[in-house]
Amino acid sequence: MVSGKIREAGNMKIDMVYLWVDGNDANWRAKKNAELEKLSEPPPVEAVGEIRCNDNNELLFSLRSVERFAPWINHIFIITDNQTPKWLDISNPRITVVDIAELMPQDTLPCFNSAIIEFFIPNIPNLSEYFIYSNDDMLFMAKTTPSHFFTKEGVPIVRVKKTKKITLSQAEQHIKALCENCSIYDNTILNSKKLVYEIVGNYNYHWMPGHCIDPYKKSDMLHVLSIPTVKEKFKSTITNHFRSKNDLQRAVFHLFGTAKYGYKLIGRDFMTRLSQFLTFRFRDQPLYTRNIKRKMSILRICKKLVCLDDPVNEKIRKSNRDYLQKMFPNKSDFEK
């Protein structure tokens, strides 16, 4: 565990990568439905439900939060599936929209599986060595510096829930105990842990938060992807067009990084349901209070970073939008 104050991350260039989709786009939905019709049986809702692709303008507000609280970010790449947000100013020199077809082999397309797409992030042209990755539903909620994500030497700082060393069988029991029918996501985490265990021969049970803005080194990701065992496992999943229980998860990069590259581990500041944490305030407005408890769906917080929940319920979605507008009322330079 890292103790004491984390040193400033020098003057390194740090890019930011988003993964974004507009699930309301008719062409995209037609492509998705055509792919679903090819399957002998429909995937579980967890893999193809509306929550996977709903767009509630989270990216717009996330970019506003970047401009306000993380102006040190060098360049922003937005990975899409032949889409561009209508409000985005693509002439902004700090923004590049990247189509997944530019990054992925033809036999992997069409791809509606973010777990697969994320493994191709290092293929982004001109991506800096150091970058942070985020889904569109993550926002900065307070001033940050590069030292929140990297040490002065450029080592990624990984925030974890636990650092207890346990055996592989204990880890399997823990994952299976999470729910009677283990979710796709939990399976992908377990697959990643097993893979790292096979390669490095030890097993640290670090729970890597899936809904967080994470730091990465491009060269380390490329090296992990070049390891024969990883290549073979990834090759067996690469054509999973929808989420599947045999997928790997991007946590494999941090797991391998902590085991082999000396990534710095710190206990995450806090990440909890906001119903249990009612005192955090933003611009003198309560982020979550009892009187809006049943109207909002801002799910988690890890101190300076917030993750939004995006339910199908349109009333709650509107409440989310309205509240984000109050928090970030001013247009950013990334908007038309």
C-alpha atoms as a PDB file:
ATOM      1  CA  MET A   1       0.000   0.000   0.000  1.00  0.00           C
ATOM      2  CA  VAL A   2       1.174   3.529  -0.729  1.00  0.00           C
ATOM      3  CA  SER A   3       1.400   5.657   2.379  1.00  0.00           C
ATOM      4  CA  GLY A   4       1.723   9.401   2.741  1.00  0.00           C
ATOM      5  CA  LYS A   5       1.156  12.036   0.115  1.00  0.00           C
ATOM      6  CA  ILE A   6       1.353  10.964  -3.522  1.00  0.00           C
ATOM      7  CA  ARG A   7       3.902  13.043  -5.383  1.00  0.00           C
ATOM      8  CA  GLU A   8       2.977  15.181  -8.352  1.00  0.00           C
ATOM      9  CA  ALA A   9       3.119  13.292 -11.654  1.00  0.00           C
ATOM     10  CA  GLY A  10       5.659  15.580 -13.285  1.00  0.00           C
ATOM     11  CA  ASN A  11       5.006  17.174 -16.664  1.00  0.00           C
ATOM     12  CA  MET A  12       4.017  14.015 -18.539  1.00  0.00           C
ATOM     13  CA  LYS A  13       1.301  14.211 -21.187  1.00  0.00           C
ATOM     14  CA  ILE A  14      -1.791  12.351 -20.062  1.00  0.00           C
ATOM     15  CA  ASP A  15      -4.603  11.665 -22.519  1.00  0.00           C
ATOM     16  CA  MET A  16      -8.141  10.564 -21.722  1.00  0.00           C
ATOM     17  CA  VAL A  17     -10.126   7.861 -23.506  1.00  0.00           C
ATOM     18  CA  TYR A  18     -13.912   7.482 -23.427  1.00  0.00           C
ATOM     19  CA  LEU A  19     -16.089   4.689 -24.734  1.00  0.00           C
ATOM     20  CA  TRP A  20     -19.456   6.055 -25.906  1.00  0.00           C
ATOM     21  CA  VAL A  21     -22.502   4.808 -27.770  1.00  0.00           C
ATOM     22  CA  ASP A  22     -25.849   6.308 -28.680  1.00  0.00           C
ATOM     23  CA  GLY A  23     -28.275   3.444 -28.216  1.00  0.00           C
ATOM     24  CA  ASN A  24     -31.113   5.515 -29.696  1.00  0.00           C
ATOM     25  CA  ASP A  25     -29.478   5.696 -33.107  1.00  0.00           C
ATOM     26  CA  ALA A  26     -31.687   3.804 -35.584  1.00  0.00           C
ATOM     27  CA  ASN A  27     -28.792   2.545 -37.709  1.00  0.00           C
ATOM     28  CA  TRP A  28     -26.904   1.276 -34.681  1.00  0.00           C
ATOM     29  CA  ARG A  29     -29.996  -0.465 -33.301  1.00  0.00           C
ATOM     30  CA  ALA A  30     -30.666  -2.128 -36.670  1.00  0.00           C
ATOM     31  CA  LYS A  31     -27.097  -3.418 -36.757  1.00  0.00           C
ATOM     32  CA  LYS A  32     -27.423  -4.732 -33.209  1.00  0.00           C
ATOM     33  CA  ASN A  33     -30.756  -6.445 -33.904  1.00  0.00           C
ATOM     34  CA  ALA A  34     -29.388  -8.053 -37.070  1.00  0.00           C
ATOM     35  CA  GLU A  35     -26.531  -9.533 -35.058  1.00  0.00           C
ATOM     36  CA  LEU A  36     -28.893 -10.773 -32.365  1.00  0.00           C
ATOM     37  CA  GLU A  37     -30.985 -12.591 -34.978  1.00  0.00           C
ATOM     38  CA  LYS A  38     -27.952 -14.671 -35.918  1.00  0.00           C
ATOM     39  CA  LEU A  39     -27.756 -16.208 -32.447  1.00  0.00           C
ATOM     40  CA  SER A  40     -29.399 -19.525 -31.649  1.00  0.00           C
ATOM     41  CA  GLU A  41     -30.600 -18.154 -28.310  1.00  0.00           C
ATOM     42  CA  PRO A  42     -30.775 -14.594 -26.989  1.00  0.00           C
ATOM     43  CA  PRO A  43     -28.037 -13.407 -24.627  1.00  0.00           C
ATOM     44  CA  PRO A  44     -28.985 -12.513 -21.051  1.00  0.00           C
ATOM     45  CA  VAL A  45     -30.366  -9.054 -20.360  1.00  0.00           C
ATOM     46  CA  GLU A  46     -27.110  -8.149 -18.606  1.00  0.00           C
ATOM     47  CA  ALA A  47     -25.372  -8.430 -21.980  1.00  0.00           C
ATOM     48  CA  VAL A  48     -27.866  -6.710 -24.270  1.00  0.00           C
ATOM     49  CA  GLY A  49     -30.322  -4.762 -22.101  1.00  0.00           C
ATOM     50  CA  GLU A  50     -31.104  -1.100 -22.692  1.00  0.00           C
ATOM     51  CA  ILE A  51     -28.935  -0.097 -19.732  1.00  0.00           C
ATOM     52  CA  ARG A  52     -25.898  -1.152 -21.770  1.00  0.00           C
ATOM     53  CA  CYS A  53     -26.440   1.482 -24.445  1.00  0.00           C
ATOM     54  CA  ASN A  54     -28.686   4.232 -23.086  1.00  0.00           C
ATOM     55  CA  ASP A  55     -27.409   7.750 -23.706  1.00  0.00           C
ATOM     56  CA  ASN A  56     -28.570  10.351 -21.209  1.00  0.00           C
ATOM     57  CA  ASN A  57     -26.124  13.084 -22.235  1.00  0.00           C
ATOM     58  CA  GLU A  58     -23.677  11.863 -19.597  1.00  0.00           C
ATOM     59  CA  LEU A  59     -20.708  12.449 -21.904  1.00  0.00           C
ATOM     60  CA  LEU A  60     -21.639  16.105 -22.352  1.00  0.00           C
ATOM     61  CA  PHE A  61     -21.569  16.665 -18.593  1.00  0.00           C
ATOM     62  CA  SER A  62     -18.505  14.497 -18.116  1.00  0.00           C
ATOM     63  CA  LEU A  63     -16.580  16.711 -20.535  1.00  0.00           C
ATOM     64  CA  ARG A  64     -17.814  19.771 -18.677  1.00  0.00           C
ATOM     65  CA  SER A  65     -16.410  18.224 -15.521  1.00  0.00           C
ATOM     66  CA  VAL A  66     -13.079  17.597 -17.294  1.00  0.00           C
ATOM     67  CA  GLU A  67     -12.821  21.220 -18.336  1.00  0.00           C
ATOM     68  CA  ARG A  68     -13.620  22.406 -14.812  1.00  0.00           C
ATOM     69  CA  PHE A  69     -11.702  19.926 -12.664  1.00  0.00           C
ATOM     70  CA  ALA A  70      -9.090  18.235 -14.896  1.00  0.00           C
ATOM     71  CA  PRO A  71      -7.843  20.896 -17.355  1.00  0.00           C
ATOM     72  CA  TRP A  72      -4.409  19.238 -17.315  1.00  0.00           C
ATOM     73  CA  ILE A  73      -5.660  16.429 -19.576  1.00  0.00           C
ATOM     74  CA  ASN A  74      -3.740  16.627 -22.856  1.00  0.00           C
ATOM     75  CA  HIS A  75      -6.054  15.095 -25.480  1.00  0.00           C
ATOM     76  CA  ILE A  76      -9.406  13.335 -25.394  1.00  0.00           C
ATOM     77  CA  PHE A  77     -10.258  10.337 -27.575  1.00  0.00           C
ATOM     78  CA  ILE A  78     -13.873   9.190 -27.851  1.00  0.00           C
ATOM     79  CA  ILE A  79     -14.273   5.622 -29.139  1.00  0.00           C
ATOM     80  CA  THR A  80     -17.588   5.119 -30.935  1.00  0.00           C
ATOM     81  CA  ASP A  81     -19.289   2.781 -33.368  1.00  0.00           C
ATOM     82  CA  ASN A  82     -19.590   5.044 -36.418  1.00  0.00           C
ATOM     83  CA  GLN A  83     -21.301   7.736 -34.357  1.00  0.00           C
ATOM     84  CA  THR A  84     -20.577  11.283 -33.200  1.00  0.00           C
ATOM     85  CA  PRO A  85     -22.455  13.177 -30.473  1.00  0.00           C
ATOM     86  CA  LYS A  86     -24.566  15.831 -32.174  1.00  0.00           C
ATOM     87  CA  TRP A  87     -23.484  18.494 -29.704  1.00  0.00           C
ATOM     88  CA  LEU A  88     -19.739  17.741 -29.959  1.00  0.00           C
ATOM     89  CA  ASP A  89     -17.452  20.275 -31.612  1.00  0.00           C
ATOM     90  CA  ILE A  90     -15.191  17.961 -33.582  1.00  0.00           C
ATOM     91  CA  SER A  91     -13.115  20.941 -34.715  1.00  0.00           C
ATOM     92  CA  ASN A  92     -11.784  21.288 -31.188  1.00  0.00           C
ATOM     93  CA  PRO A  93      -8.074  20.356 -31.469  1.00  0.00           C
ATOM     94  CA  ARG A  94      -8.200  18.483 -28.150  1.00  0.00           C
ATOM     95  CA  ILE A  95     -10.900  16.039 -29.322  1.00  0.00           C
ATOM     96  CA  THR A  96     -10.618  13.011 -31.618  1.00  0.00           C
ATOM     97  CA  VAL A  97     -13.516  10.667 -32.385  1.00  0.00           C
ATOM     98  CA  VAL A  98     -12.254   7.150 -33.124  1.00  0.00           C
ATOM     99  CA  ASP A  99     -14.393   4.531 -34.835  1.00  0.00           C
ATOM    100  CA  ILE A 100     -13.988   0.981 -33.543  1.00  0.00           C
ATOM    101  CA  ALA A 101     -13.473  -0.176 -37.135  1.00  0.00           C
ATOM    102  CA  GLU A 102     -10.156   1.726 -37.065  1.00  0.00           C
ATOM    103  CA  LEU A 103      -8.982  -0.293 -34.078  1.00  0.00           C
ATOM    104  CA  MET A 104     -10.387  -3.796 -34.426  1.00  0.00           C
ATOM    105  CA  PRO A 105      -9.996  -6.643 -36.944  1.00  0.00           C
ATOM    106  CA  GLN A 106     -12.831  -7.121 -39.397  1.00  0.00           C
ATOM    107  CA  ASP A 107     -13.833 -10.513 -37.964  1.00  0.00           C
ATOM    108  CA  THR A 108     -14.567  -8.915 -34.573  1.00  0.00           C
ATOM    109  CA  LEU A 109     -17.159  -6.559 -36.028  1.00  0.00           C
ATOM    110  CA  PRO A 110     -19.845  -5.596 -35.386  1.00  0.00           C
ATOM    111  CA  CYS A 111     -18.972  -5.497 -31.693  1.00  0.00           C
ATOM    112  CA  PHE A 112     -21.383  -4.586 -28.915  1.00  0.00           C
ATOM    113  CA  ASN A 113     -19.094  -5.884 -26.185  1.00  0.00           C
ATOM    114  CA  SER A 114     -17.185  -3.187 -24.321  1.00  0.00           C
ATOM    115  CA  ALA A 115     -15.011  -5.816 -22.625  1.00  0.00           C
ATOM    116  CA  ILE A 116     -13.575  -6.686 -26.052  1.00  0.00           C
ATOM    117  CA  ILE A 117     -13.332  -3.122 -27.360  1.00  0.00           C
ATOM    118  CA  GLU A 118     -11.314  -2.011 -24.331  1.00  0.00           C
ATOM    119  CA  PHE A 119      -8.485  -4.390 -25.212  1.00  0.00           C
ATOM    120  CA  PHE A 120      -7.953  -2.483 -28.472  1.00  0.00           C
ATOM    121  CA  ILE A 121      -7.495   0.922 -26.830  1.00  0.00           C
ATOM    122  CA  PRO A 122      -3.674   0.783 -27.292  1.00  0.00           C
ATOM    123  CA  ASN A 123      -4.305   0.753 -31.062  1.00  0.00           C
ATOM    124  CA  ILE A 124      -5.581   4.345 -30.997  1.00  0.00           C
ATOM    125  CA  PRO A 125      -3.309   6.404 -33.288  1.00  0.00           C
ATOM    126  CA  ASN A 126      -1.299   9.056 -31.436  1.00  0.00           C
ATOM    127  CA  LEU A 127      -2.494   7.923 -28.007  1.00  0.00           C
ATOM    128  CA  SER A 128       0.036   9.048 -25.401  1.00  0.00           C
ATOM    129  CA  GLU A 129       2.021   6.585 -23.289  1.00  0.00           C
ATOM    130  CA  TYR A 130       0.076   7.695 -20.209  1.00  0.00           C
ATOM    131  CA  PHE A 131      -3.697   7.925 -20.297  1.00  0.00           C
ATOM    132  CA  ILE A 132      -6.814   7.519 -18.197  1.00  0.00           C
ATOM    133  CA  TYR A 133      -9.856   5.580 -19.328  1.00  0.00           C
ATOM    134  CA  SER A 134     -13.476   6.313 -18.549  1.00  0.00           C
ATOM    135  CA  ASN A 135     -16.968   5.388 -19.567  1.00  0.00           C
ATOM    136  CA  ASP A 136     -19.229   8.311 -20.337  1.00  0.00           C
ATOM    137  CA  ASP A 137     -21.020   8.006 -16.986  1.00  0.00           C
ATOM    138  CA  MET A 138     -18.006   9.055 -14.892  1.00  0.00           C
ATOM    139  CA  LEU A 139     -17.538  12.670 -13.806  1.00  0.00           C
ATOM    140  CA  PHE A 140     -14.906  14.647 -11.948  1.00  0.00           C
ATOM    141  CA  MET A 141     -16.491  16.294  -8.912  1.00  0.00           C
ATOM    142  CA  ALA A 142     -13.520  18.168  -7.455  1.00  0.00           C
ATOM    143  CA  LYS A 143     -10.202  19.584  -8.590  1.00  0.00           C
ATOM    144  CA  THR A 144      -7.742  16.854  -9.549  1.00  0.00           C
ATOM    145  CA  THR A 145      -4.098  16.730 -10.585  1.00  0.00           C
ATOM    146  CA  PRO A 146      -2.143  14.074 -12.489  1.00  0.00           C
ATOM    147  CA  SER A 147      -0.909  12.780  -9.115  1.00  0.00           C
ATOM    148  CA  HIS A 148      -4.397  11.361  -8.510  1.00  0.00           C
ATOM    149  CA  PHE A 149      -3.647   8.786 -11.217  1.00  0.00           C
ATOM    150  CA  PHE A 150       0.157   8.553 -11.633  1.00  0.00           C
ATOM    151  CA  THR A 151       3.224   8.929  -9.435  1.00  0.00           C
ATOM    152  CA  LYS A 152       5.918  11.426 -10.365  1.00  0.00           C
ATOM    153  CA  GLU A 153       7.758   8.554 -12.044  1.00  0.00           C
ATOM    154  CA  GLY A 154       4.732   7.734 -14.204  1.00  0.00           C
ATOM    155  CA  VAL A 155       3.622   4.631 -12.312  1.00  0.00           C
ATOM    156  CA  PRO A 156      -0.159   4.076 -12.426  1.00  0.00           C
ATOM    157  CA  ILE A 157      -1.921   4.401  -9.065  1.00  0.00           C
ATOM    158  CA  VAL A 158      -4.536   1.692  -8.679  1.00  0.00           C
ATOM    159  CA  ARG A 159      -7.323   2.172  -6.169  1.00  0.00           C
ATOM    160  CA  VAL A 160      -8.540  -1.118  -4.765  1.00  0.00           C
ATOM    161  CA  LYS A 161     -11.034  -2.305  -2.214  1.00  0.00           C
ATOM    162  CA  LYS A 162      -8.912  -5.104  -0.783  1.00  0.00           C
ATOM    163  CA  THR A 163      -5.275  -6.192  -0.938  1.00  0.00           C
ATOM    164  CA  LYS A 164      -5.527  -9.416   1.028  1.00  0.00           C
ATOM    165  CA  LYS A 165      -3.564 -12.364  -0.372  1.00  0.00           C
ATOM    166  CA  ILE A 166      -5.687 -15.447  -0.788  1.00  0.00           C
ATOM    167  CA  THR A 167      -5.547 -18.656  -2.766  1.00  0.00           C
ATOM    168  CA  LEU A 168      -7.154 -19.068  -6.157  1.00  0.00           C
ATOM    169  CA  SER A 169      -9.748 -21.472  -4.747  1.00  0.00           C
ATOM    170  CA  GLN A 170     -10.649 -18.936  -2.043  1.00  0.00           C
ATOM    171  CA  ALA A 171     -11.059 -16.289  -4.731  1.00  0.00           C
ATOM    172  CA  GLU A 172     -13.341 -18.558  -6.726  1.00  0.00           C
ATOM    173  CA  GLN A 173     -15.447 -19.217  -3.640  1.00  0.00           C
ATOM    174  CA  HIS A 174     -15.688 -15.510  -2.944  1.00  0.00           C
ATOM    175  CA  ILE A 175     -16.849 -14.680  -6.457  1.00  0.00           C
ATOM    176  CA  LYS A 176     -19.395 -17.488  -6.477  1.00  0.00           C
ATOM    177  CA  ALA A 177     -20.686 -16.373  -3.092  1.00  0.00           C
ATOM    178  CA  LEU A 178     -21.554 -12.943  -4.472  1.00  0.00           C
ATOM    179  CA  CYS A 179     -24.718 -14.318  -5.954  1.00  0.00           C
ATOM    180  CA  GLU A 180     -26.263 -17.673  -6.629  1.00  0.00           C
ATOM    181  CA  ASN A 181     -26.070 -17.173 -10.370  1.00  0.00           C
ATOM    182  CA  CYS A 182     -22.755 -15.432 -10.903  1.00  0.00           C
ATOM    183  CA  SER A 183     -23.103 -12.422 -13.189  1.00  0.00           C
ATOM    184  CA  ILE A 184     -21.272 -12.004 -16.475  1.00  0.00           C
ATOM    185  CA  TYR A 185     -19.225  -9.186 -14.971  1.00  0.00           C
ATOM    186  CA  ASP A 186     -18.124 -11.229 -11.949  1.00  0.00           C
ATOM    187  CA  ASN A 187     -17.142 -14.070 -14.265  1.00  0.00           C
ATOM    188  CA  THR A 188     -14.978 -11.782 -16.400  1.00  0.00           C
ATOM    189  CA  ILE A 189     -13.187 -10.555 -13.261  1.00  0.00           C
ATOM    190  CA  LEU A 190     -12.581 -14.129 -12.157  1.00  0.00           C
ATOM    191  CA  ASN A 191     -11.334 -15.095 -15.630  1.00  0.00           C
ATOM    192  CA  SER A 192      -8.845 -12.230 -15.498  1.00  0.00           C
ATOM    193  CA  LYS A 193      -7.628 -13.190 -12.031  1.00  0.00           C
ATOM    194  CA  LYS A 194      -7.182 -16.814 -13.052  1.00  0.00           C
ATOM    195  CA  LEU A 195      -5.183 -15.781 -16.094  1.00  0.00           C
ATOM    196  CA  VAL A 196      -2.840 -13.552 -14.107  1.00  0.00           C
ATOM    197  CA  TYR A 197      -2.449 -16.315 -11.501  1.00  0.00           C
ATOM    198  CA  GLU A 198      -1.373 -18.749 -14.220  1.00  0.00           C
ATOM    199  CA  ILE A 199       1.253 -16.306 -15.512  1.00  0.00           C
ATOM    200  CA  VAL A 200       2.755 -14.803 -12.358  1.00  0.00           C
ATOM    201  CA  GLY A 201       2.144 -17.637  -9.908  1.00  0.00           C
ATOM    202  CA  ASN A 202       0.627 -15.638  -7.064  1.00  0.00           C
ATOM    203  CA  TYR A 203      -2.796 -14.372  -6.256  1.00  0.00           C
ATOM    204  CA  ASN A 204      -3.579 -11.036  -4.628  1.00  0.00           C
ATOM    205  CA  TYR A 205      -7.275 -10.510  -4.259  1.00  0.00           C
ATOM    206  CA  HIS A 206      -7.633  -6.914  -5.345  1.00  0.00           C
ATOM    207  CA  TRP A 207     -11.157  -5.809  -6.118  1.00  0.00           C
ATOM    208  CA  MET A 208     -10.750  -3.388  -8.999  1.00  0.00           C
ATOM    209  CA  PRO A 209     -13.748  -1.038  -9.181  1.00  0.00           C
ATOM    210  CA  GLY A 210     -15.305  -1.358 -12.614  1.00  0.00           C
ATOM    211  CA  HIS A 211     -16.979   2.047 -12.470  1.00  0.00           C
ATOM    212  CA  CYS A 212     -14.005   4.297 -12.031  1.00  0.00           C
ATOM    213  CA  ILE A 213     -11.647   6.433 -14.104  1.00  0.00           C
ATOM    214  CA  ASP A 214      -8.520   4.289 -14.371  1.00  0.00           C
ATOM    215  CA  PRO A 215      -4.865   5.078 -15.262  1.00  0.00           C
ATOM    216  CA  TYR A 216      -2.941   3.037 -17.836  1.00  0.00           C
ATOM    217  CA  LYS A 217       0.406   2.882 -19.592  1.00  0.00           C
ATOM    218  CA  LYS A 218       0.089   2.023 -23.264  1.00  0.00           C
ATOM    219  CA  SER A 219       3.403   0.130 -23.419  1.00  0.00           C
ATOM    220  CA  ASP A 220       2.402  -2.050 -20.455  1.00  0.00           C
ATOM    221  CA  MET A 221      -0.934  -2.894 -22.065  1.00  0.00           C
ATOM    222  CA  LEU A 222       0.784  -3.851 -25.309  1.00  0.00           C
ATOM    223  CA  HIS A 223       3.235  -6.033 -23.435  1.00  0.00           C
ATOM    224  CA  VAL A 224       0.468  -7.857 -21.572  1.00  0.00           C
ATOM    225  CA  LEU A 225      -1.346  -8.437 -24.864  1.00  0.00           C
ATOM    226  CA  SER A 226       1.837  -9.937 -26.330  1.00  0.00           C
ATOM    227  CA  ILE A 227       2.139 -12.624 -23.619  1.00  0.00           C
ATOM    228  CA  PRO A 228       1.312 -15.969 -25.322  1.00  0.00           C
ATOM    229  CA  THR A 229      -1.080 -17.105 -22.590  1.00  0.00           C
ATOM    230  CA  VAL A 230      -2.986 -13.823 -22.770  1.00  0.00           C
ATOM    231  CA  LYS A 231      -3.013 -13.842 -26.574  1.00  0.00           C
ATOM    232  CA  GLU A 232      -4.440 -17.354 -26.625  1.00  0.00           C
ATOM    233  CA  LYS A 233      -7.150 -16.601 -24.086  1.00  0.00           C
ATOM    234  CA  PHE A 234      -8.118 -13.319 -25.746  1.00  0.00           C
ATOM    235  CA  LYS A 235      -8.178 -14.993 -29.167  1.00  0.00           C
ATOM    236  CA  SER A 236     -10.850 -17.381 -27.880  1.00  0.00           C
ATOM    237  CA  THR A 237     -13.111 -14.498 -26.871  1.00  0.00           C
ATOM    238  CA  ILE A 238     -12.364 -11.890 -29.507  1.00  0.00           C
ATOM    239  CA  THR A 239     -15.451 -12.642 -31.604  1.00  0.00           C
ATOM    240  CA  ASN A 240     -17.874 -12.424 -28.674  1.00  0.00           C
ATOM    241  CA  HIS A 241     -19.996  -9.690 -30.210  1.00  0.00           C
ATOM    242  CA  PHE A 242     -21.987  -9.408 -26.977  1.00  0.00           C
ATOM    243  CA  ARG A 243     -20.845  -9.726 -23.379  1.00  0.00           C
ATOM    244  CA  SER A 244     -20.098 -13.297 -22.398  1.00  0.00           C
ATOM    245  CA  LYS A 245     -19.085 -15.148 -19.243  1.00  0.00           C
ATOM    246  CA  ASN A 246     -15.828 -16.297 -20.822  1.00  0.00           C
ATOM    247  CA  ASP A 247     -14.635 -12.746 -21.588  1.00  0.00           C
ATOM    248  CA  LEU A 248     -11.618 -11.167 -19.976  1.00  0.00           C
ATOM    249  CA  GLN A 249     -11.937  -7.804 -18.253  1.00  0.00           C
ATOM    250  CA  ARG A 250      -9.577  -4.839 -18.469  1.00  0.00           C
ATOM    251  CA  ALA A 251      -8.660  -5.446 -14.812  1.00  0.00           C
ATOM    252  CA  VAL A 252      -6.130  -7.937 -16.208  1.00  0.00           C
ATOM    253  CA  PHE A 253      -3.849  -4.993 -17.029  1.00  0.00           C
ATOM    254  CA  HIS A 254      -3.890  -3.633 -13.482  1.00  0.00           C
ATOM    255  CA  LEU A 255      -3.620  -7.101 -11.952  1.00  0.00           C
ATOM    256  CA  PHE A 256      -0.560  -7.864 -14.048  1.00  0.00           C
ATOM    257  CA  GLY A 257       0.776  -4.352 -13.483  1.00  0.00           C
ATOM    258  CA  THR A 258       0.650  -4.695  -9.696  1.00  0.00           C
ATOM    259  CA  ALA A 259       2.276  -8.136  -9.863  1.00  0.00           C
ATOM    260  CA  LYS A 260       5.041  -7.380 -12.378  1.00  0.00           C
ATOM    261  CA  TYR A 261       5.388  -3.640 -13.039  1.00  0.00           C
ATOM    262  CA  GLY A 262       5.168  -2.299  -9.504  1.00  0.00           C
ATOM    263  CA  TYR A 263       1.912  -0.383  -9.877  1.00  0.00           C
ATOM    264  CA  LYS A 264       1.065   1.529  -6.716  1.00  0.00           C
ATOM    265  CA  LEU A 265      -1.889   0.289  -4.712  1.00  0.00           C
ATOM    266  CA  ILE A 266      -3.887   2.477  -2.394  1.00  0.00           C
ATOM    267  CA  GLY A 267      -7.166   1.805  -0.690  1.00  0.00           C
ATOM    268  CA  ARG A 268      -9.878   3.611  -2.599  1.00  0.00           C
ATOM    269  CA  ASP A 269     -11.037   6.754  -0.818  1.00  0.00           C
ATOM    270  CA  PHE A 270     -14.571   5.475  -0.597  1.00  0.00           C
ATOM    271  CA  MET A 271     -17.071   4.051  -3.002  1.00  0.00           C
ATOM    272  CA  THR A 272     -20.505   3.424  -1.648  1.00  0.00           C
ATOM    273  CA  ARG A 273     -24.130   3.825  -2.427  1.00  0.00           C
ATOM    274  CA  LEU A 274     -25.037   7.429  -1.866  1.00  0.00           C
ATOM    275  CA  SER A 275     -27.989   6.412   0.282  1.00  0.00           C
ATOM    276  CA  GLN A 276     -25.318   5.632   2.898  1.00  0.00           C
ATOM    277  CA  PHE A 277     -23.375   8.841   2.334  1.00  0.00           C
ATOM    278  CA  LEU A 278     -25.541  11.905   2.553  1.00  0.00           C
ATOM    279  CA  THR A 279     -23.055  14.658   3.448  1.00  0.00           C
ATOM    280  CA  PHE A 280     -21.028  15.088   0.249  1.00  0.00           C
ATOM    281  CA  ARG A 281     -21.792  18.448  -1.330  1.00  0.00           C
ATOM    282  CA  PHE A 282     -21.038  19.992  -4.686  1.00  0.00           C
ATOM    283  CA  ARG A 283     -21.157  23.766  -5.153  1.00  0.00           C
ATOM    284  CA  ASP A 284     -23.188  23.997  -1.944  1.00  0.00           C
ATOM    285  CA  GLN A 285     -25.793  21.625  -3.277  1.00  0.00           C
ATOM    286  CA  PRO A 286     -26.314  18.213  -1.699  1.00  0.00           C
ATOM    287  CA  LEU A 287     -25.386  15.518  -4.172  1.00  0.00           C
ATOM    288  CA  TYR A 288     -27.751  13.089  -2.551  1.00  0.00           C
ATOM    289  CA  THR A 289     -30.335  13.843   0.135  1.00  0.00           C
ATOM    290  CA  ARG A 290     -33.326  12.026   1.505  1.00  0.00           C
ATOM    291  CA  ASN A 291     -35.800  14.316  -0.212  1.00  0.00           C
ATOM    292  CA  ILE A 292     -34.462  13.342  -3.662  1.00  0.00           C
ATOM    293  CA  LYS A 293     -33.578   9.770  -2.746  1.00  0.00           C
ATOM    294  CA  ARG A 294     -36.329   8.267  -4.865  1.00  0.00           C
ATOM    295  CA  LYS A 295     -35.884  10.653  -7.759  1.00  0.00           C
ATOM    296  CA  MET A 296     -32.158  10.432  -8.429  1.00  0.00           C
ATOM    297  CA  SER A 297     -29.981   7.581  -9.539  1.00  0.00           C
ATOM    298  CA  ILE A 298     -26.423   8.739  -8.945  1.00  0.00           C
ATOM    299  CA  LEU A 299     -25.078   5.432  -7.783  1.00  0.00           C
ATOM    300  CA  ARG A 300     -21.537   5.620  -6.523  1.00  0.00           C
ATOM    301  CA  ILE A 301     -18.858   8.026  -5.479  1.00  0.00           C
ATOM    302  CA  CYS A 302     -15.121   7.611  -4.887  1.00  0.00           C
ATOM    303  CA  LYS A 303     -14.280  10.976  -3.386  1.00  0.00           C
ATOM    304  CA  LYS A 304     -13.434  13.129  -6.413  1.00  0.00           C
ATOM    305  CA  LEU A 305     -15.137  10.894  -8.973  1.00  0.00           C
ATOM    306  CA  VAL A 306     -18.826  10.110  -9.385  1.00  0.00           C
ATOM    307  CA  CYS A 307     -20.415   7.265 -11.314  1.00  0.00           C
ATOM    308  CA  LEU A 308     -23.952   7.652 -12.613  1.00  0.00           C
ATOM    309  CA  ASP A 309     -26.502   4.896 -12.756  1.00  0.00           C
ATOM    310  CA  ASP A 310     -28.628   5.011 -15.899  1.00  0.00           C
ATOM    311  CA  PRO A 311     -31.907   3.190 -15.340  1.00  0.00           C
ATOM    312  CA  VAL A 312     -34.463   2.653 -18.069  1.00  0.00           C
ATOM    313  CA  ASN A 313     -37.036   4.612 -16.038  1.00  0.00           C
ATOM    314  CA  GLU A 314     -37.430   7.874 -17.974  1.00  0.00           C
ATOM    315  CA  LYS A 315     -38.578   9.848 -14.929  1.00  0.00           C
ATOM    316  CA  ILE A 316     -35.353   9.065 -13.099  1.00  0.00           C
ATOM    317  CA  ARG A 317     -33.322   9.700 -16.251  1.00  0.00           C
ATOM    318  CA  LYS A 318     -34.848  13.181 -16.487  1.00  0.00           C
ATOM    319  CA  SER A 319     -34.048  13.817 -12.820  1.00  0.00           C
ATOM    320  CA  ASN A 320     -30.449  12.833 -13.516  1.00  0.00           C
ATOM    321  CA  ARG A 321     -30.252  15.227 -16.474  1.00  0.00           C
ATOM    322  CA  ASP A 322     -31.825  18.081 -14.556  1.00  0.00           C
ATOM    323  CA  TYR A 323     -29.484  17.645 -11.631  1.00  0.00           C
ATOM    324  CA  LEU A 324     -26.390  17.433 -13.825  1.00  0.00           C
ATOM    325  CA  GLN A 325     -27.485  20.629 -15.530  1.00  0.00           C
ATOM    326  CA  LYS A 326     -27.579  22.315 -12.125  1.00  0.00           C
ATOM    327  CA  MET A 327     -24.139  20.998 -11.254  1.00  0.00           C
ATOM    328  CA  PHE A 328     -22.555  21.873 -14.615  1.00  0.00           C
ATOM    329  CA  PRO A 329     -24.653  24.662 -16.150  1.00  0.00           C
ATOM    330  CA  ASN A 330     -21.977  26.171 -18.401  1.00  0.00           C
ATOM    331  CA  LYS A 331     -21.124  24.899 -21.874  1.00  0.00           C
ATOM    332  CA  SER A 332     -17.622  23.582 -22.320  1.00  0.00           C
ATOM    333  CA  ASP A 333     -15.253  24.327 -25.190  1.00  0.00           C
ATOM    334  CA  PHE A 334     -16.008  20.809 -26.416  1.00  0.00           C
ATOM    335  CA  GLU A 335     -19.551  21.731 -27.390  1.00  0.00           C
ATOM    336  CA  LYS A 336     -20.802  23.477 -30.535  1.00  0.00           C
END
